[in-house]
Amino acid sequence: MANMIRWFEIPVKDLQRAVKFYSKIFKTELTIMSDGHREMAVFPIEESEEVTGALVSGAGYNPGSEGALIYLNANPDLSAVLKRVGEAGGVVVAPKQKIGSEFGYMAIILDSEGNRIALNSKE
């Protein structure tokens, strides 16, 4: 069965600030684009992967710390990503913790826009 999750959108008020935050904590570049109704910064995707998403700014996109919790890939080292969260303008609200024997580790942060985001890694 194909992956049930295909795309996610993280709402932001200040796209440039959010791009700077995520680029710094994950040490990656996001692709900025617009469809005329909203601006987006798309996370990178490998050809073998099926899921990606974007930071999105536009009418109806309101950041928040309630609602569905998205887990972003922090491999190979969640601890290293967490160290960069504060430097980038975010806050760690739940420290690194083990989540069962098969799922590795997770932590929860508030990003530069106030979104509650989970991070997950094997180590």
PDB file of N, CA and C in Angstrom:
ATOM      1  N   MET A   1       0.841  -1.182   0.000  1.00  0.00           N
ATOM      2  CA  MET A   1       0.000   0.000   0.000  1.00  0.00           C
ATOM      3  C   MET A   1       0.889   1.249   0.000  1.00  0.00           C
ATOM      4  N   ALA A   2       0.539   2.211  -0.768  1.00  0.00           N
ATOM      5  CA  ALA A   2       1.283   3.469  -0.833  1.00  0.00           C
ATOM      6  C   ALA A   2       1.116   4.240   0.473  1.00  0.00           C
ATOM      7  N   ASN A   3       2.062   5.113   0.734  1.00  0.00           N
ATOM      8  CA  ASN A   3       2.007   5.956   1.918  1.00  0.00           C
ATOM      9  C   ASN A   3       0.718   6.779   1.901  1.00  0.00           C
ATOM     10  N   MET A   4      -0.017   6.789   3.000  1.00  0.00           N
ATOM     11  CA  MET A   4      -1.279   7.532   3.074  1.00  0.00           C
ATOM     12  C   MET A   4      -1.062   9.044   3.121  1.00  0.00           C
ATOM     13  N   ILE A   5       0.080   9.474   3.613  1.00  0.00           N
ATOM     14  CA  ILE A   5       0.393  10.903   3.673  1.00  0.00           C
ATOM     15  C   ILE A   5       1.143  11.285   2.407  1.00  0.00           C
ATOM     16  N   ARG A   6       0.699  12.330   1.706  1.00  0.00           N
ATOM     17  CA  ARG A   6       1.328  12.761   0.454  1.00  0.00           C
ATOM     18  C   ARG A   6       1.908  14.163   0.561  1.00  0.00           C
ATOM     19  N   TRP A   7       1.254  15.033   1.300  1.00  0.00           N
ATOM     20  CA  TRP A   7       1.612  16.450   1.306  1.00  0.00           C
ATOM     21  C   TRP A   7       1.162  17.057   2.626  1.00  0.00           C
ATOM     22  N   PHE A   8       1.930  17.984   3.156  1.00  0.00           N
ATOM     23  CA  PHE A   8       1.512  18.721   4.341  1.00  0.00           C
ATOM     24  C   PHE A   8       1.824  20.202   4.135  1.00  0.00           C
ATOM     25  N   GLU A   9       1.087  21.052   4.826  1.00  0.00           N
ATOM     26  CA  GLU A   9       1.321  22.491   4.768  1.00  0.00           C
ATOM     27  C   GLU A   9       1.412  23.039   6.185  1.00  0.00           C
ATOM     28  N   ILE A  10       2.475  23.776   6.451  1.00  0.00           N
ATOM     29  CA  ILE A  10       2.675  24.422   7.738  1.00  0.00           C
ATOM     30  C   ILE A  10       2.380  25.908   7.538  1.00  0.00           C
ATOM     31  N   PRO A  11       1.337  26.438   8.185  1.00  0.00           N
ATOM     32  CA  PRO A  11       0.985  27.841   7.984  1.00  0.00           C
ATOM     33  C   PRO A  11       1.995  28.781   8.631  1.00  0.00           C
ATOM     34  N   VAL A  12       2.311  29.870   7.936  1.00  0.00           N
ATOM     35  CA  VAL A  12       3.250  30.864   8.457  1.00  0.00           C
ATOM     36  C   VAL A  12       2.730  32.266   8.167  1.00  0.00           C
ATOM     37  N   LYS A  13       3.104  33.218   9.001  1.00  0.00           N
ATOM     38  CA  LYS A  13       2.779  34.630   8.757  1.00  0.00           C
ATOM     39  C   LYS A  13       3.911  35.306   7.994  1.00  0.00           C
ATOM     40  N   ASP A  14       5.159  34.983   8.355  1.00  0.00           N
ATOM     41  CA  ASP A  14       6.332  35.594   7.733  1.00  0.00           C
ATOM     42  C   ASP A  14       7.131  34.490   7.036  1.00  0.00           C
ATOM     43  N   LEU A  15       6.922  34.333   5.735  1.00  0.00           N
ATOM     44  CA  LEU A  15       7.541  33.231   4.994  1.00  0.00           C
ATOM     45  C   LEU A  15       9.061  33.288   5.066  1.00  0.00           C
ATOM     46  N   GLN A  16       9.648  34.454   4.900  1.00  0.00           N
ATOM     47  CA  GLN A  16      11.113  34.555   4.916  1.00  0.00           C
ATOM     48  C   GLN A  16      11.681  34.155   6.277  1.00  0.00           C
ATOM     49  N   ARG A  17      11.039  34.585   7.361  1.00  0.00           N
ATOM     50  CA  ARG A  17      11.487  34.214   8.708  1.00  0.00           C
ATOM     51  C   ARG A  17      11.378  32.704   8.901  1.00  0.00           C
ATOM     52  N   ALA A  18      10.276  32.112   8.460  1.00  0.00           N
ATOM     53  CA  ALA A  18      10.078  30.672   8.603  1.00  0.00           C
ATOM     54  C   ALA A  18      11.079  29.888   7.754  1.00  0.00           C
ATOM     55  N   VAL A  19      11.351  30.356   6.542  1.00  0.00           N
ATOM     56  CA  VAL A  19      12.348  29.698   5.686  1.00  0.00           C
ATOM     57  C   VAL A  19      13.709  29.731   6.366  1.00  0.00           C
ATOM     58  N   LYS A  20      14.062  30.862   6.931  1.00  0.00           N
ATOM     59  CA  LYS A  20      15.344  30.989   7.632  1.00  0.00           C
ATOM     60  C   LYS A  20      15.410  30.003   8.798  1.00  0.00           C
ATOM     61  N   PHE A  21      14.311  29.884   9.563  1.00  0.00           N
ATOM     62  CA  PHE A  21      14.253  28.970  10.703  1.00  0.00           C
ATOM     63  C   PHE A  21      14.465  27.523  10.260  1.00  0.00           C
ATOM     64  N   TYR A  22      13.654  27.046   9.329  1.00  0.00           N
ATOM     65  CA  TYR A  22      13.740  25.643   8.912  1.00  0.00           C
ATOM     66  C   TYR A  22      15.031  25.344   8.154  1.00  0.00           C
ATOM     67  N   SER A  23      15.508  26.288   7.378  1.00  0.00           N
ATOM     68  CA  SER A  23      16.785  26.098   6.681  1.00  0.00           C
ATOM     69  C   SER A  23      17.914  25.932   7.685  1.00  0.00           C
ATOM     70  N   LYS A  24      17.863  26.709   8.764  1.00  0.00           N
ATOM     71  CA  LYS A  24      18.923  26.640   9.774  1.00  0.00           C
ATOM     72  C   LYS A  24      18.864  25.345  10.575  1.00  0.00           C
ATOM     73  N   ILE A  25      17.686  24.974  11.063  1.00  0.00           N
ATOM     74  CA  ILE A  25      17.657  23.790  11.928  1.00  0.00           C
ATOM     75  C   ILE A  25      17.919  22.500  11.157  1.00  0.00           C
ATOM     76  N   PHE A  26      17.492  22.432   9.898  1.00  0.00           N
ATOM     77  CA  PHE A  26      17.699  21.216   9.108  1.00  0.00           C
ATOM     78  C   PHE A  26      18.893  21.300   8.158  1.00  0.00           C
ATOM     79  N   LYS A  27      19.549  22.446   8.100  1.00  0.00           N
ATOM     80  CA  LYS A  27      20.694  22.647   7.203  1.00  0.00           C
ATOM     81  C   LYS A  27      20.341  22.234   5.772  1.00  0.00           C
ATOM     82  N   THR A  28      19.276  22.833   5.254  1.00  0.00           N
ATOM     83  CA  THR A  28      18.800  22.518   3.911  1.00  0.00           C
ATOM     84  C   THR A  28      18.210  23.768   3.267  1.00  0.00           C
ATOM     85  N   GLU A  29      17.944  23.690   1.983  1.00  0.00           N
ATOM     86  CA  GLU A  29      17.319  24.797   1.266  1.00  0.00           C
ATOM     87  C   GLU A  29      15.890  24.424   0.895  1.00  0.00           C
ATOM     88  N   LEU A  30      15.006  25.395   0.976  1.00  0.00           N
ATOM     89  CA  LEU A  30      13.624  25.213   0.559  1.00  0.00           C
ATOM     90  C   LEU A  30      13.415  25.981  -0.739  1.00  0.00           C
ATOM     91  N   THR A  31      12.523  25.497  -1.582  1.00  0.00           N
ATOM     92  CA  THR A  31      12.234  26.128  -2.871  1.00  0.00           C
ATOM     93  C   THR A  31      11.021  27.035  -2.728  1.00  0.00           C
ATOM     94  N   ILE A  32      11.205  28.324  -2.983  1.00  0.00           N
ATOM     95  CA  ILE A  32      10.118  29.292  -2.838  1.00  0.00           C
ATOM     96  C   ILE A  32       9.352  29.418  -4.155  1.00  0.00           C
ATOM     97  N   MET A  33       8.017  29.411  -4.049  1.00  0.00           N
ATOM     98  CA  MET A  33       7.160  29.549  -5.230  1.00  0.00           C
ATOM     99  C   MET A  33       5.839  30.192  -4.829  1.00  0.00           C
ATOM    100  N   SER A  34       5.065  30.592  -5.818  1.00  0.00           N
ATOM    101  CA  SER A  34       3.765  31.203  -5.576  1.00  0.00           C
ATOM    102  C   SER A  34       2.786  30.712  -6.637  1.00  0.00           C
ATOM    103  N   ASP A  35       1.533  30.548  -6.230  1.00  0.00           N
ATOM    104  CA  ASP A  35       0.510  30.174  -7.210  1.00  0.00           C
ATOM    105  C   ASP A  35      -0.477  31.320  -7.437  1.00  0.00           C
ATOM    106  N   GLY A  36      -0.116  32.515  -6.986  1.00  0.00           N
ATOM    107  CA  GLY A  36      -0.984  33.671  -7.146  1.00  0.00           C
ATOM    108  C   GLY A  36      -1.910  33.917  -5.970  1.00  0.00           C
ATOM    109  N   HIS A  37      -2.187  32.875  -5.189  1.00  0.00           N
ATOM    110  CA  HIS A  37      -3.065  33.000  -4.029  1.00  0.00           C
ATOM    111  C   HIS A  37      -2.307  32.853  -2.719  1.00  0.00           C
ATOM    112  N   ARG A  38      -1.176  32.220  -2.790  1.00  0.00           N
ATOM    113  CA  ARG A  38      -0.372  31.968  -1.598  1.00  0.00           C
ATOM    114  C   ARG A  38       1.088  31.821  -2.000  1.00  0.00           C
ATOM    115  N   GLU A  39       1.965  32.079  -1.040  1.00  0.00           N
ATOM    116  CA  GLU A  39       3.389  31.854  -1.248  1.00  0.00           C
ATOM    117  C   GLU A  39       3.777  30.595  -0.492  1.00  0.00           C
ATOM    118  N   MET A  40       4.685  29.830  -1.064  1.00  0.00           N
ATOM    119  CA  MET A  40       5.105  28.578  -0.452  1.00  0.00           C
ATOM    120  C   MET A  40       6.618  28.450  -0.478  1.00  0.00           C
ATOM    121  N   ALA A  41       7.130  27.692   0.485  1.00  0.00           N
ATOM    122  CA  ALA A  41       8.526  27.279   0.493  1.00  0.00           C
ATOM    123  C   ALA A  41       8.496  25.765   0.681  1.00  0.00           C
ATOM    124  N   VAL A  42       8.854  25.040  -0.361  1.00  0.00           N
ATOM    125  CA  VAL A  42       8.707  23.581  -0.391  1.00  0.00           C
ATOM    126  C   VAL A  42       9.958  22.911   0.164  1.00  0.00           C
ATOM    127  N   PHE A  43       9.733  21.931   1.055  1.00  0.00           N
ATOM    128  CA  PHE A  43      10.832  21.140   1.596  1.00  0.00           C
ATOM    129  C   PHE A  43      11.397  20.242   0.502  1.00  0.00           C
ATOM    130  N   PRO A  44      12.702  19.939   0.555  1.00  0.00           N
ATOM    131  CA  PRO A  44      13.294  19.068  -0.468  1.00  0.00           C
ATOM    132  C   PRO A  44      12.710  17.658  -0.392  1.00  0.00           C
ATOM    133  N   ILE A  45      12.744  16.964  -1.531  1.00  0.00           N
ATOM    134  CA  ILE A  45      12.266  15.578  -1.592  1.00  0.00           C
ATOM    135  C   ILE A  45      13.208  14.779  -2.475  1.00  0.00           C
ATOM    136  N   GLU A  46      13.500  13.573  -2.041  1.00  0.00           N
ATOM    137  CA  GLU A  46      14.299  12.647  -2.837  1.00  0.00           C
ATOM    138  C   GLU A  46      13.361  11.930  -3.797  1.00  0.00           C
ATOM    139  N   GLU A  47      13.878  11.514  -4.943  1.00  0.00           N
ATOM    140  CA  GLU A  47      13.027  10.827  -5.926  1.00  0.00           C
ATOM    141  C   GLU A  47      12.382   9.572  -5.364  1.00  0.00           C
ATOM    142  N   SER A  48      13.069   8.889  -4.439  1.00  0.00           N
ATOM    143  CA  SER A  48      12.541   7.642  -3.891  1.00  0.00           C
ATOM    144  C   SER A  48      11.480   7.883  -2.815  1.00  0.00           C
ATOM    145  N   GLU A  49      11.312   9.124  -2.376  1.00  0.00           N
ATOM    146  CA  GLU A  49      10.341   9.436  -1.337  1.00  0.00           C
ATOM    147  C   GLU A  49       9.028   9.916  -1.956  1.00  0.00           C
ATOM    148  N   GLU A  50       7.962   9.749  -1.216  1.00  0.00           N
ATOM    149  CA  GLU A  50       6.657  10.140  -1.725  1.00  0.00           C
ATOM    150  C   GLU A  50       6.045  11.312  -0.982  1.00  0.00           C
ATOM    151  N   VAL A  51       6.601  11.698   0.157  1.00  0.00           N
ATOM    152  CA  VAL A  51       5.976  12.710   0.993  1.00  0.00           C
ATOM    153  C   VAL A  51       6.860  13.945   1.101  1.00  0.00           C
ATOM    154  N   THR A  52       6.280  15.089   0.926  1.00  0.00           N
ATOM    155  CA  THR A  52       6.926  16.353   1.252  1.00  0.00           C
ATOM    156  C   THR A  52       5.830  17.351   1.585  1.00  0.00           C
ATOM    157  N   GLY A  53       6.221  18.574   1.832  1.00  0.00           N
ATOM    158  CA  GLY A  53       5.255  19.599   2.173  1.00  0.00           C
ATOM    159  C   GLY A  53       5.890  20.959   2.050  1.00  0.00           C
ATOM    160  N   ALA A  54       5.190  21.959   2.572  1.00  0.00           N
ATOM    161  CA  ALA A  54       5.661  23.328   2.396  1.00  0.00           C
ATOM    162  C   ALA A  54       5.249  24.213   3.556  1.00  0.00           C
ATOM    163  N   LEU A  55       6.005  25.275   3.720  1.00  0.00           N
ATOM    164  CA  LEU A  55       5.590  26.397   4.544  1.00  0.00           C
ATOM    165  C   LEU A  55       4.679  27.224   3.648  1.00  0.00           C
ATOM    166  N   VAL A  56       3.535  27.667   4.150  1.00  0.00           N
ATOM    167  CA  VAL A  56       2.586  28.377   3.295  1.00  0.00           C
ATOM    168  C   VAL A  56       2.098  29.651   3.980  1.00  0.00           C
ATOM    169  N   SER A  57       2.110  30.746   3.219  1.00  0.00           N
ATOM    170  CA  SER A  57       1.631  32.038   3.692  1.00  0.00           C
ATOM    171  C   SER A  57       0.532  32.523   2.754  1.00  0.00           C
ATOM    172  N   GLY A  58      -0.603  32.885   3.329  1.00  0.00           N
ATOM    173  CA  GLY A  58      -1.706  33.386   2.516  1.00  0.00           C
ATOM    174  C   GLY A  58      -2.977  33.434   3.334  1.00  0.00           C
ATOM    175  N   ALA A  59      -4.047  33.903   2.734  1.00  0.00           N
ATOM    176  CA  ALA A  59      -5.339  33.995   3.416  1.00  0.00           C
ATOM    177  C   ALA A  59      -5.769  32.615   3.905  1.00  0.00           C
ATOM    178  N   GLY A  60      -6.174  32.549   5.161  1.00  0.00           N
ATOM    179  CA  GLY A  60      -6.644  31.292   5.728  1.00  0.00           C
ATOM    180  C   GLY A  60      -5.549  30.420   6.318  1.00  0.00           C
ATOM    181  N   TYR A  61      -4.299  30.821   6.194  1.00  0.00           N
ATOM    182  CA  TYR A  61      -3.181  30.059   6.757  1.00  0.00           C
ATOM    183  C   TYR A  61      -2.720  30.756   8.030  1.00  0.00           C
ATOM    184  N   ASN A  62      -3.144  30.219   9.171  1.00  0.00           N
ATOM    185  CA  ASN A  62      -2.853  30.828  10.461  1.00  0.00           C
ATOM    186  C   ASN A  62      -2.049  29.879  11.333  1.00  0.00           C
ATOM    187  N   PRO A  63      -0.834  30.271  11.706  1.00  0.00           N
ATOM    188  CA  PRO A  63      -0.019  29.419  12.567  1.00  0.00           C
ATOM    189  C   PRO A  63      -0.717  29.178  13.901  1.00  0.00           C
ATOM    190  N   GLY A  64      -0.403  28.045  14.532  1.00  0.00           N
ATOM    191  CA  GLY A  64      -0.983  27.757  15.834  1.00  0.00           C
ATOM    192  C   GLY A  64      -0.321  26.570  16.499  1.00  0.00           C
ATOM    193  N   SER A  65      -0.541  26.472  17.802  1.00  0.00           N
ATOM    194  CA  SER A  65       0.074  25.393  18.569  1.00  0.00           C
ATOM    195  C   SER A  65      -0.927  24.303  18.933  1.00  0.00           C
ATOM    196  N   GLU A  66      -2.109  24.341  18.355  1.00  0.00           N
ATOM    197  CA  GLU A  66      -3.119  23.313  18.602  1.00  0.00           C
ATOM    198  C   GLU A  66      -3.472  22.639  17.285  1.00  0.00           C
ATOM    199  N   GLY A  67      -4.047  21.484  17.358  1.00  0.00           N
ATOM    200  CA  GLY A  67      -4.431  20.765  16.146  1.00  0.00           C
ATOM    201  C   GLY A  67      -3.494  19.607  15.862  1.00  0.00           C
ATOM    202  N   ALA A  68      -3.524  19.141  14.641  1.00  0.00           N
ATOM    203  CA  ALA A  68      -2.720  17.982  14.245  1.00  0.00           C
ATOM    204  C   ALA A  68      -1.237  18.251  14.487  1.00  0.00           C
ATOM    205  N   LEU A  69      -0.516  17.209  14.855  1.00  0.00           N
ATOM    206  CA  LEU A  69       0.919  17.319  15.121  1.00  0.00           C
ATOM    207  C   LEU A  69       1.681  16.621  14.004  1.00  0.00           C
ATOM    208  N   ILE A  70       2.500  17.374  13.294  1.00  0.00           N
ATOM    209  CA  ILE A  70       3.314  16.839  12.201  1.00  0.00           C
ATOM    210  C   ILE A  70       4.667  16.441  12.758  1.00  0.00           C
ATOM    211  N   TYR A  71       5.143  15.253  12.401  1.00  0.00           N
ATOM    212  CA  TYR A  71       6.480  14.796  12.792  1.00  0.00           C
ATOM    213  C   TYR A  71       7.407  14.961  11.597  1.00  0.00           C
ATOM    214  N   LEU A  72       8.421  15.810  11.743  1.00  0.00           N
ATOM    215  CA  LEU A  72       9.404  16.009  10.684  1.00  0.00           C
ATOM    216  C   LEU A  72      10.643  15.175  10.964  1.00  0.00           C
ATOM    217  N   ASN A  73      11.286  14.731   9.903  1.00  0.00           N
ATOM    218  CA  ASN A  73      12.452  13.866   9.975  1.00  0.00           C
ATOM    219  C   ASN A  73      13.673  14.648  10.441  1.00  0.00           C
ATOM    220  N   ALA A  74      14.220  14.282  11.595  1.00  0.00           N
ATOM    221  CA  ALA A  74      15.415  14.934  12.135  1.00  0.00           C
ATOM    222  C   ALA A  74      16.624  14.006  12.087  1.00  0.00           C
ATOM    223  N   ASN A  75      16.580  12.973  11.249  1.00  0.00           N
ATOM    224  CA  ASN A  75      17.717  12.061  11.111  1.00  0.00           C
ATOM    225  C   ASN A  75      18.904  12.795  10.523  1.00  0.00           C
ATOM    226  N   PRO A  76      20.114  12.454  10.826  1.00  0.00           N
ATOM    227  CA  PRO A  76      20.465  11.306  11.648  1.00  0.00           C
ATOM    228  C   PRO A  76      20.552  11.612  13.138  1.00  0.00           C
ATOM    229  N   ASP A  77      20.470  12.887  13.559  1.00  0.00           N
ATOM    230  CA  ASP A  77      20.741  13.225  14.954  1.00  0.00           C
ATOM    231  C   ASP A  77      19.786  14.296  15.476  1.00  0.00           C
ATOM    232  N   LEU A  78      18.754  13.862  16.157  1.00  0.00           N
ATOM    233  CA  LEU A  78      17.769  14.775  16.728  1.00  0.00           C
ATOM    234  C   LEU A  78      18.414  15.782  17.671  1.00  0.00           C
ATOM    235  N   SER A  79      19.391  15.347  18.453  1.00  0.00           N
ATOM    236  CA  SER A  79      20.048  16.252  19.408  1.00  0.00           C
ATOM    237  C   SER A  79      20.682  17.446  18.707  1.00  0.00           C
ATOM    238  N   ALA A  80      21.318  17.208  17.569  1.00  0.00           N
ATOM    239  CA  ALA A  80      21.957  18.297  16.818  1.00  0.00           C
ATOM    240  C   ALA A  80      20.916  19.281  16.295  1.00  0.00           C
ATOM    241  N   VAL A  81      19.788  18.769  15.802  1.00  0.00           N
ATOM    242  CA  VAL A  81      18.718  19.642  15.309  1.00  0.00           C
ATOM    243  C   VAL A  81      18.156  20.470  16.467  1.00  0.00           C
ATOM    244  N   LEU A  82      17.934  19.847  17.613  1.00  0.00           N
ATOM    245  CA  LEU A  82      17.385  20.561  18.767  1.00  0.00           C
ATOM    246  C   LEU A  82      18.298  21.695  19.225  1.00  0.00           C
ATOM    247  N   LYS A  83      19.597  21.515  19.130  1.00  0.00           N
ATOM    248  CA  LYS A  83      20.544  22.571  19.518  1.00  0.00           C
ATOM    249  C   LYS A  83      20.377  23.811  18.653  1.00  0.00           C
ATOM    250  N   ARG A  84      19.962  23.635  17.411  1.00  0.00           N
ATOM    251  CA  ARG A  84      19.813  24.767  16.496  1.00  0.00           C
ATOM    252  C   ARG A  84      18.450  25.461  16.611  1.00  0.00           C
ATOM    253  N   VAL A  85      17.481  24.830  17.268  1.00  0.00           N
ATOM    254  CA  VAL A  85      16.129  25.390  17.363  1.00  0.00           C
ATOM    255  C   VAL A  85      16.133  26.756  18.049  1.00  0.00           C
ATOM    256  N   GLY A  86      16.741  26.865  19.215  1.00  0.00           N
ATOM    257  CA  GLY A  86      16.786  28.137  19.938  1.00  0.00           C
ATOM    258  C   GLY A  86      17.550  29.203  19.183  1.00  0.00           C
ATOM    259  N   GLU A  87      18.667  28.805  18.578  1.00  0.00           N
ATOM    260  CA  GLU A  87      19.485  29.739  17.794  1.00  0.00           C
ATOM    261  C   GLU A  87      18.689  30.321  16.625  1.00  0.00           C
ATOM    262  N   ALA A  88      17.747  29.538  16.113  1.00  0.00           N
ATOM    263  CA  ALA A  88      16.969  29.947  14.938  1.00  0.00           C
ATOM    264  C   ALA A  88      15.683  30.689  15.303  1.00  0.00           C
ATOM    265  N   GLY A  89      15.397  30.833  16.600  1.00  0.00           N
ATOM    266  CA  GLY A  89      14.211  31.582  17.008  1.00  0.00           C
ATOM    267  C   GLY A  89      13.044  30.728  17.460  1.00  0.00           C
ATOM    268  N   GLY A  90      13.267  29.435  17.670  1.00  0.00           N
ATOM    269  CA  GLY A  90      12.214  28.549  18.147  1.00  0.00           C
ATOM    270  C   GLY A  90      12.420  28.185  19.606  1.00  0.00           C
ATOM    271  N   VAL A  91      11.545  27.319  20.125  1.00  0.00           N
ATOM    272  CA  VAL A  91      11.601  26.890  21.518  1.00  0.00           C
ATOM    273  C   VAL A  91      11.361  25.384  21.572  1.00  0.00           C
ATOM    274  N   VAL A  92      12.174  24.675  22.343  1.00  0.00           N
ATOM    275  CA  VAL A  92      11.937  23.251  22.587  1.00  0.00           C
ATOM    276  C   VAL A  92      10.941  23.163  23.743  1.00  0.00           C
ATOM    277  N   VAL A  93       9.761  22.580  23.502  1.00  0.00           N
ATOM    278  CA  VAL A  93       8.738  22.489  24.549  1.00  0.00           C
ATOM    279  C   VAL A  93       8.643  21.099  25.164  1.00  0.00           C
ATOM    280  N   ALA A  94       9.131  20.080  24.480  1.00  0.00           N
ATOM    281  CA  ALA A  94       9.221  18.725  25.032  1.00  0.00           C
ATOM    282  C   ALA A  94      10.568  18.173  24.584  1.00  0.00           C
ATOM    283  N   PRO A  95      11.460  17.866  25.534  1.00  0.00           N
ATOM    284  CA  PRO A  95      12.806  17.431  25.171  1.00  0.00           C
ATOM    285  C   PRO A  95      12.822  16.056  24.505  1.00  0.00           C
ATOM    286  N   LYS A  96      13.975  15.705  23.990  1.00  0.00           N
ATOM    287  CA  LYS A  96      14.175  14.410  23.336  1.00  0.00           C
ATOM    288  C   LYS A  96      13.773  13.287  24.281  1.00  0.00           C
ATOM    289  N   GLN A  97      12.964  12.358  23.755  1.00  0.00           N
ATOM    290  CA  GLN A  97      12.512  11.210  24.541  1.00  0.00           C
ATOM    291  C   GLN A  97      12.296  10.012  23.635  1.00  0.00           C
ATOM    292  N   LYS A  98      12.504   8.832  24.178  1.00  0.00           N
ATOM    293  CA  LYS A  98      12.334   7.593  23.414  1.00  0.00           C
ATOM    294  C   LYS A  98      10.843   7.329  23.227  1.00  0.00           C
ATOM    295  N   ILE A  99      10.474   6.848  22.028  1.00  0.00           N
ATOM    296  CA  ILE A  99       9.064   6.525  21.762  1.00  0.00           C
ATOM    297  C   ILE A  99       8.941   5.069  21.321  1.00  0.00           C
ATOM    298  N   GLY A 100       9.130   4.179  22.254  1.00  0.00           N
ATOM    299  CA  GLY A 100       9.029   2.757  21.960  1.00  0.00           C
ATOM    300  C   GLY A 100      10.303   2.207  21.352  1.00  0.00           C
ATOM    301  N   SER A 101      10.371   0.907  21.244  1.00  0.00           N
ATOM    302  CA  SER A 101      11.588   0.262  20.748  1.00  0.00           C
ATOM    303  C   SER A 101      11.750   0.366  19.235  1.00  0.00           C
ATOM    304  N   GLU A 102      10.693   0.658  18.500  1.00  0.00           N
ATOM    305  CA  GLU A 102      10.758   0.678  17.038  1.00  0.00           C
ATOM    306  C   GLU A 102      10.750   2.072  16.416  1.00  0.00           C
ATOM    307  N   PHE A 103      10.386   3.093  17.171  1.00  0.00           N
ATOM    308  CA  PHE A 103      10.145   4.402  16.570  1.00  0.00           C
ATOM    309  C   PHE A 103      11.203   5.453  16.872  1.00  0.00           C
ATOM    310  N   GLY A 104      12.233   5.090  17.603  1.00  0.00           N
ATOM    311  CA  GLY A 104      13.327   6.014  17.856  1.00  0.00           C
ATOM    312  C   GLY A 104      13.000   7.050  18.910  1.00  0.00           C
ATOM    313  N   TYR A 105      13.301   8.310  18.585  1.00  0.00           N
ATOM    314  CA  TYR A 105      13.183   9.408  19.539  1.00  0.00           C
ATOM    315  C   TYR A 105      12.365  10.551  18.945  1.00  0.00           C
ATOM    316  N   MET A 106      11.798  11.354  19.834  1.00  0.00           N
ATOM    317  CA  MET A 106      11.035  12.513  19.381  1.00  0.00           C
ATOM    318  C   MET A 106      11.218  13.659  20.356  1.00  0.00           C
ATOM    319  N   ALA A 107      10.915  14.853  19.882  1.00  0.00           N
ATOM    320  CA  ALA A 107      10.867  16.067  20.696  1.00  0.00           C
ATOM    321  C   ALA A 107       9.816  16.964  20.054  1.00  0.00           C
ATOM    322  N   ILE A 108       9.324  17.919  20.815  1.00  0.00           N
ATOM    323  CA  ILE A 108       8.341  18.864  20.275  1.00  0.00           C
ATOM    324  C   ILE A 108       8.888  20.279  20.424  1.00  0.00           C
ATOM    325  N   ILE A 109       8.717  21.064  19.362  1.00  0.00           N
ATOM    326  CA  ILE A 109       9.188  22.447  19.352  1.00  0.00           C
ATOM    327  C   ILE A 109       8.054  23.394  18.974  1.00  0.00           C
ATOM    328  N   LEU A 110       8.254  24.660  19.252  1.00  0.00           N
ATOM    329  CA  LEU A 110       7.460  25.726  18.649  1.00  0.00           C
ATOM    330  C   LEU A 110       8.390  26.391  17.654  1.00  0.00           C
ATOM    331  N   ASP A 111       7.966  26.503  16.403  1.00  0.00           N
ATOM    332  CA  ASP A 111       8.824  27.111  15.383  1.00  0.00           C
ATOM    333  C   ASP A 111       8.779  28.636  15.475  1.00  0.00           C
ATOM    334  N   SER A 112       9.420  29.306  14.559  1.00  0.00           N
ATOM    335  CA  SER A 112       9.494  30.771  14.577  1.00  0.00           C
ATOM    336  C   SER A 112       8.132  31.437  14.428  1.00  0.00           C
ATOM    337  N   GLU A 113       7.137  30.693  13.963  1.00  0.00           N
ATOM    338  CA  GLU A 113       5.794  31.231  13.743  1.00  0.00           C
ATOM    339  C   GLU A 113       4.812  30.844  14.842  1.00  0.00           C
ATOM    340  N   GLY A 114       5.252  30.027  15.806  1.00  0.00           N
ATOM    341  CA  GLY A 114       4.373  29.580  16.882  1.00  0.00           C
ATOM    342  C   GLY A 114       3.687  28.260  16.617  1.00  0.00           C
ATOM    343  N   ASN A 115       4.065  27.558  15.543  1.00  0.00           N
ATOM    344  CA  ASN A 115       3.503  26.238  15.252  1.00  0.00           C
ATOM    345  C   ASN A 115       4.154  25.183  16.136  1.00  0.00           C
ATOM    346  N   ARG A 116       3.339  24.267  16.639  1.00  0.00           N
ATOM    347  CA  ARG A 116       3.832  23.123  17.401  1.00  0.00           C
ATOM    348  C   ARG A 116       4.188  22.036  16.391  1.00  0.00           C
ATOM    349  N   ILE A 117       5.465  21.635  16.380  1.00  0.00           N
ATOM    350  CA  ILE A 117       5.978  20.664  15.419  1.00  0.00           C
ATOM    351  C   ILE A 117       6.761  19.599  16.181  1.00  0.00           C
ATOM    352  N   ALA A 118       6.576  18.332  15.828  1.00  0.00           N
ATOM    353  CA  ALA A 118       7.365  17.253  16.421  1.00  0.00           C
ATOM    354  C   ALA A 118       8.535  16.925  15.499  1.00  0.00           C
ATOM    355  N   LEU A 119       9.634  16.528  16.102  1.00  0.00           N
ATOM    356  CA  LEU A 119      10.816  16.083  15.368  1.00  0.00           C
ATOM    357  C   LEU A 119      11.077  14.642  15.761  1.00  0.00           C
ATOM    358  N   ASN A 120      11.490  13.818  14.806  1.00  0.00           N
ATOM    359  CA  ASN A 120      11.699  12.392  15.048  1.00  0.00           C
ATOM    360  C   ASN A 120      12.991  11.936  14.401  1.00  0.00           C
ATOM    361  N   SER A 121      13.725  11.066  15.102  1.00  0.00           N
ATOM    362  CA  SER A 121      14.923  10.455  14.518  1.00  0.00           C
ATOM    363  C   SER A 121      15.147   9.084  15.140  1.00  0.00           C
ATOM    364  N   LYS A 122      15.975   8.296  14.472  1.00  0.00           N
ATOM    365  CA  LYS A 122      16.290   6.960  14.981  1.00  0.00           C
ATOM    366  C   LYS A 122      17.206   7.033  16.191  1.00  0.00           C
ATOM    367  N   GLU A 123      18.039   8.059  16.251  1.00  0.00           N
ATOM    368  CA  GLU A 123      18.991   8.231  17.370  1.00  0.00           C
ATOM    369  C   GLU A 123      18.668   9.463  18.185  1.00  0.00           C
TER     370      GLU A 123
END
